[in-house]
């Protein structure tokens, strides 16, 4: 496999330049969507829920989780729909490959940009929940670093899906069977100890569960060494997914 070099940054820079031209329409949703969730669930449903078993209010419990989930959605959608459009419809990849850049560098640049969108989304949500007084610890300043690892992982997985789907509509399978179950069963809306033991074990395999756990712990100031293991698990999955995505995208692009 061709080694990825610093030139992958040029692809990232190209995507950044495009984003900056469209930032007025591209940057608002990471803050608006969490506001809707916080309003409907936290201030709506949360009124009817007493303190959870861990002593937190429902709003305090779900708000930090949105830092992780929004990063997942942003990184995934960027490296699925946006990358697919650049690859198949706009033929941007073909144009870039006419330069000295390799396929692996193009894909690595795309993944780095997906990761960046994830970090931007996470920071945006962190800012929003801080306005509601839901950030309880200076450890929350580390959440962007966790979002880097999480964003890299989900962007890489999304690029794997992009490499194998026959058409853009096929992304719905991954969203329905992958992203949505993680969103619903990764301790975003309720503690995992409410689930049967087998379900808890399965849930802890999910990278989103670990991302939610780390972000919630940092924002609430619940620090332990278990956070390190969760970050390492996400990083391990990111390393595997990143390399697999390079192989599969090379196969697709050279057909």
Protein backbone atom coordinates (compact mmCIF):
# COMPACT_ATOMS: atom_id res chain seq x y z
CA UNK A 1 0.00 0.00 0.00
CA UNK A 2 1.26 3.48 -0.85
CA UNK A 3 2.28 5.40 2.23
CA UNK A 4 0.10 8.37 3.14
CA UNK A 5 2.16 11.57 3.31
CA UNK A 6 1.60 15.15 4.40
CA UNK A 7 0.08 15.85 0.97
CA UNK A 8 -3.23 14.48 2.26
CA UNK A 9 -3.56 17.83 4.02
CA UNK A 10 -4.07 19.42 0.58
CA UNK A 11 -7.31 17.48 0.17
CA UNK A 12 -8.37 18.52 3.66
CA UNK A 13 -7.54 22.13 2.76
CA UNK A 14 -9.61 21.89 -0.42
CA UNK A 15 -12.64 20.71 1.56
CA UNK A 16 -12.07 23.41 4.16
CA UNK A 17 -11.96 26.12 1.50
CA UNK A 18 -15.24 24.85 0.07
CA UNK A 19 -16.81 24.81 3.53
CA UNK A 20 -15.70 28.37 4.27
CA UNK A 21 -17.46 29.56 1.12
CA UNK A 22 -20.67 27.90 2.30
CA UNK A 23 -20.33 28.27 6.07
CA UNK A 24 -23.57 30.23 6.48
CA UNK A 25 -25.60 27.23 5.35
CA UNK A 26 -23.25 24.48 6.55
CA UNK A 27 -22.46 25.47 10.13
CA UNK A 28 -25.82 26.05 11.78
CA UNK A 29 -27.20 22.52 12.18
CA UNK A 30 -24.72 21.25 14.81
CA UNK A 31 -26.17 23.82 17.23
CA UNK A 32 -29.83 23.88 16.16
CA UNK A 33 -30.40 20.11 16.28
CA UNK A 34 -29.08 19.65 19.86
CA UNK A 35 -31.19 22.62 20.92
CA UNK A 36 -34.27 20.84 19.61
CA UNK A 37 -33.34 17.64 21.47
CA UNK A 38 -32.63 19.52 24.69
CA UNK A 39 -35.90 21.40 24.41
CA UNK A 40 -38.13 18.44 23.62
CA UNK A 41 -36.45 15.80 25.79
CA UNK A 42 -34.68 17.72 28.51
CA UNK A 43 -37.24 20.44 29.19
CA UNK A 44 -40.24 18.44 27.98
CA UNK A 45 -39.91 14.78 28.86
CA UNK A 46 -37.38 15.57 31.56
CA UNK A 47 -40.04 17.35 33.61
CA UNK A 48 -41.75 14.00 34.19
CA UNK A 49 -38.56 12.14 35.14
CA UNK A 50 -37.15 12.39 38.64
CA UNK A 51 -33.47 12.09 39.44
CA UNK A 52 -31.77 9.09 37.83
CA UNK A 53 -30.07 6.38 39.86
CA UNK A 54 -26.76 8.22 39.51
CA UNK A 55 -28.22 11.38 41.03
CA UNK A 56 -28.33 13.36 37.78
CA UNK A 57 -31.35 15.07 36.31
CA UNK A 58 -32.46 13.79 32.92
CA UNK A 59 -31.21 16.96 31.25
CA UNK A 60 -27.80 16.70 32.93
CA UNK A 61 -27.59 13.09 31.77
CA UNK A 62 -28.45 13.52 28.09
CA UNK A 63 -26.80 16.87 27.35
CA UNK A 64 -23.16 15.65 27.45
CA UNK A 65 -24.10 12.65 25.31
CA UNK A 66 -25.09 14.95 22.46
CA UNK A 67 -21.48 16.12 22.25
CA UNK A 68 -20.57 12.57 21.23
CA UNK A 69 -23.60 11.80 19.07
CA UNK A 70 -23.35 15.01 17.06
CA UNK A 71 -19.70 14.26 16.33
CA UNK A 72 -20.73 10.81 15.10
CA UNK A 73 -23.42 12.17 12.79
CA UNK A 74 -21.24 14.97 11.40
CA UNK A 75 -18.21 12.79 10.66
CA UNK A 76 -20.33 9.95 9.26
CA UNK A 77 -22.51 12.04 6.97
CA UNK A 78 -19.54 14.00 5.65
CA UNK A 79 -17.66 10.86 4.61
CA UNK A 80 -20.78 9.18 3.27
CA UNK A 81 -22.99 11.59 1.35
CA UNK A 82 -20.52 14.42 0.75
CA UNK A 83 -17.64 12.14 -0.21
CA UNK A 84 -19.88 10.05 -2.45
CA UNK A 85 -21.06 13.16 -4.28
CA UNK A 86 -17.49 14.34 -4.77
CA UNK A 87 -16.50 10.88 -6.00
CA UNK A 88 -19.39 9.91 -8.27
CA UNK A 89 -21.22 13.07 -9.34
CA UNK A 90 -18.75 15.94 -9.20
CA UNK A 91 -15.76 13.73 -10.12
CA UNK A 92 -13.61 15.71 -7.73
CA UNK A 93 -11.54 12.66 -6.87
CA UNK A 94 -10.68 12.10 -10.54
CA UNK A 95 -9.52 15.70 -10.85
CA UNK A 96 -7.34 15.47 -7.75
CA UNK A 97 -5.83 12.18 -8.89
CA UNK A 98 -4.57 13.97 -12.00
CA UNK A 99 -2.10 15.64 -9.62
CA UNK A 100 0.82 13.86 -7.90
CA UNK A 101 -1.45 12.86 -4.99
CA UNK A 102 -2.14 9.14 -4.55
CA UNK A 103 -5.51 7.50 -3.96
CA UNK A 104 -4.59 6.86 -0.33
CA UNK A 105 -3.73 10.52 0.19
CA UNK A 106 -7.03 11.63 -1.31
CA UNK A 107 -9.00 9.29 0.93
CA UNK A 108 -6.94 10.17 4.00
CA UNK A 109 -7.62 13.84 3.32
CA UNK A 110 -11.33 13.15 3.05
CA UNK A 111 -11.31 11.24 6.34
CA UNK A 112 -9.38 14.03 8.05
CA UNK A 113 -11.99 16.49 6.85
CA UNK A 114 -14.79 14.26 8.13
CA UNK A 115 -12.99 14.13 11.46
CA UNK A 116 -12.75 17.93 11.46
CA UNK A 117 -16.49 18.26 10.89
CA UNK A 118 -17.04 15.93 13.83
CA UNK A 119 -14.82 18.03 16.09
CA UNK A 120 -16.52 21.23 14.98
CA UNK A 121 -19.92 19.72 15.73
CA UNK A 122 -18.80 18.51 19.17
CA UNK A 123 -17.40 21.92 20.11
CA UNK A 124 -20.59 23.61 18.90
CA UNK A 125 -22.74 21.39 21.11
CA UNK A 126 -20.39 21.89 24.06
CA UNK A 127 -20.83 25.64 23.65
CA UNK A 128 -24.62 25.29 23.53
CA UNK A 129 -24.93 23.15 26.65
CA UNK A 130 -22.53 25.44 28.50
CA UNK A 131 -25.04 28.25 27.97
CA UNK A 132 -27.57 26.16 29.87
CA UNK A 133 -25.17 25.65 32.77
CA UNK A 134 -24.78 21.95 31.98
CA UNK A 135 -20.97 21.88 31.93
CA UNK A 136 -19.80 21.12 35.46
CA UNK A 137 -16.05 20.63 35.16
CA UNK A 138 -12.97 22.21 33.55
CA UNK A 139 -12.17 18.69 32.32
CA UNK A 140 -14.68 19.52 29.57
CA UNK A 141 -11.86 21.37 27.82
CA UNK A 142 -10.56 17.94 26.80
CA UNK A 143 -13.73 17.02 24.92
CA UNK A 144 -12.41 18.29 21.54
CA UNK A 145 -9.45 15.90 21.84
CA UNK A 146 -11.80 12.98 22.41
CA UNK A 147 -13.86 14.19 19.45
CA UNK A 148 -10.73 13.96 17.29
CA UNK A 149 -10.39 10.23 18.01
CA UNK A 150 -14.13 9.62 17.74
CA UNK A 151 -14.43 11.66 14.56
CA UNK A 152 -11.53 9.79 12.96
CA UNK A 153 -13.15 6.46 13.80
CA UNK A 154 -16.62 7.28 12.48
CA UNK A 155 -15.26 9.07 9.41
CA UNK A 156 -13.17 5.99 8.58
CA UNK A 157 -16.12 3.63 9.02
CA UNK A 158 -18.26 5.91 6.86
CA UNK A 159 -15.59 5.83 4.16
CA UNK A 160 -15.71 2.02 4.24
CA UNK A 161 -19.45 2.22 3.62
CA UNK A 162 -18.86 4.70 0.79
CA UNK A 163 -16.43 2.26 -0.78
CA UNK A 164 -18.97 -0.57 -0.96
CA UNK A 165 -22.37 1.03 -1.61
CA UNK A 166 -23.64 0.72 -5.20
CA UNK A 167 -25.68 3.93 -5.02
CA UNK A 168 -26.20 6.87 -2.70
CA UNK A 169 -29.57 5.53 -1.52
CA UNK A 170 -27.83 2.48 -0.04
CA UNK A 171 -26.46 4.62 2.78
CA UNK A 172 -29.88 4.20 4.39
CA UNK A 173 -28.95 0.62 5.30
CA UNK A 174 -25.99 1.74 7.40
CA UNK A 175 -27.97 4.56 8.95
CA UNK A 176 -30.87 2.25 9.87
CA UNK A 177 -28.84 -0.79 10.94
CA UNK A 178 -25.73 0.91 12.29
CA UNK A 179 -26.00 4.56 13.29
CA UNK A 180 -29.57 4.54 14.60
CA UNK A 181 -29.14 1.52 16.93
CA UNK A 182 -25.94 3.07 18.32
CA UNK A 183 -27.77 6.34 18.86
CA UNK A 184 -30.59 4.62 20.74
CA UNK A 185 -28.68 2.03 22.77
CA UNK A 186 -25.34 3.64 23.67
CA UNK A 187 -26.30 5.22 27.01
CA UNK A 188 -27.42 8.43 25.35
CA UNK A 189 -30.93 8.48 26.82
CA UNK A 190 -30.74 6.04 29.74
CA UNK A 191 -28.07 4.29 31.85
CA UNK A 192 -26.98 0.93 30.52
CA UNK A 193 -27.58 -0.74 33.88
CA UNK A 194 -31.26 -0.76 33.00
CA UNK A 195 -30.56 -3.26 30.20
CA UNK A 196 -30.16 -7.05 30.53
CA UNK A 197 -26.55 -8.16 31.03
CA UNK A 198 -26.18 -9.50 27.49
CA UNK A 199 -27.48 -6.22 26.09
CA UNK A 200 -25.02 -4.28 28.25
CA UNK A 201 -22.14 -6.36 26.92
CA UNK A 202 -23.19 -5.73 23.33
CA UNK A 203 -23.66 -2.02 24.00
CA UNK A 204 -20.12 -1.69 25.37
CA UNK A 205 -18.74 -2.99 22.08
CA UNK A 206 -20.18 0.08 20.39
CA UNK A 207 -17.64 2.90 19.99
CA UNK A 208 -20.40 5.43 20.59
CA UNK A 209 -21.00 3.99 24.07
CA UNK A 210 -17.38 4.67 24.95
CA UNK A 211 -17.47 8.13 23.37
CA UNK A 212 -20.61 9.02 25.33
CA UNK A 213 -19.08 7.66 28.52
CA UNK A 214 -15.88 9.69 28.12
CA UNK A 215 -17.57 12.94 27.09
CA UNK A 216 -20.17 12.69 29.86
CA UNK A 217 -17.47 11.97 32.44
CA UNK A 218 -15.34 14.92 31.34
CA UNK A 219 -18.24 17.35 31.25
CA UNK A 220 -19.55 16.24 34.65
CA UNK A 221 -16.12 15.89 36.24
CA UNK A 222 -16.41 12.15 36.91
CA UNK A 223 -12.79 11.23 36.18
CA UNK A 224 -11.36 7.71 36.41
CA UNK A 225 -8.74 5.56 34.69
CA UNK A 226 -11.53 3.74 32.84
CA UNK A 227 -11.72 6.76 30.55
CA UNK A 228 -8.27 5.92 29.18
CA UNK A 229 -9.37 2.42 28.22
CA UNK A 230 -12.44 3.78 26.46
CA UNK A 231 -10.36 6.23 24.43
CA UNK A 232 -7.89 3.46 23.55
CA UNK A 233 -10.75 1.24 22.35
CA UNK A 234 -12.04 3.99 20.06
CA UNK A 235 -8.49 4.66 18.80
CA UNK A 236 -7.98 0.95 18.11
CA UNK A 237 -11.17 0.80 16.05
CA UNK A 238 -10.16 4.00 14.27
CA UNK A 239 -6.79 2.52 13.27
CA UNK A 240 -8.41 -0.59 11.83
CA UNK A 241 -11.20 1.28 10.05
CA UNK A 242 -8.80 3.85 8.59
CA UNK A 243 -6.58 1.23 6.98
CA UNK A 244 -9.51 -0.85 5.74
CA UNK A 245 -11.06 2.24 4.16
CA UNK A 246 -7.87 2.96 2.22
CA UNK A 247 -7.80 -0.56 0.81
CA UNK A 248 -11.47 -0.65 -0.16
CA UNK A 249 -11.50 2.83 -1.68
CA UNK A 250 -8.44 1.99 -3.77
CA UNK A 251 -10.26 -1.05 -5.13
CA UNK A 252 -13.30 1.04 -5.98
CA UNK A 253 -11.44 3.88 -7.63
CA UNK A 254 -9.20 1.75 -9.84
CA UNK A 255 -12.05 -0.28 -11.34
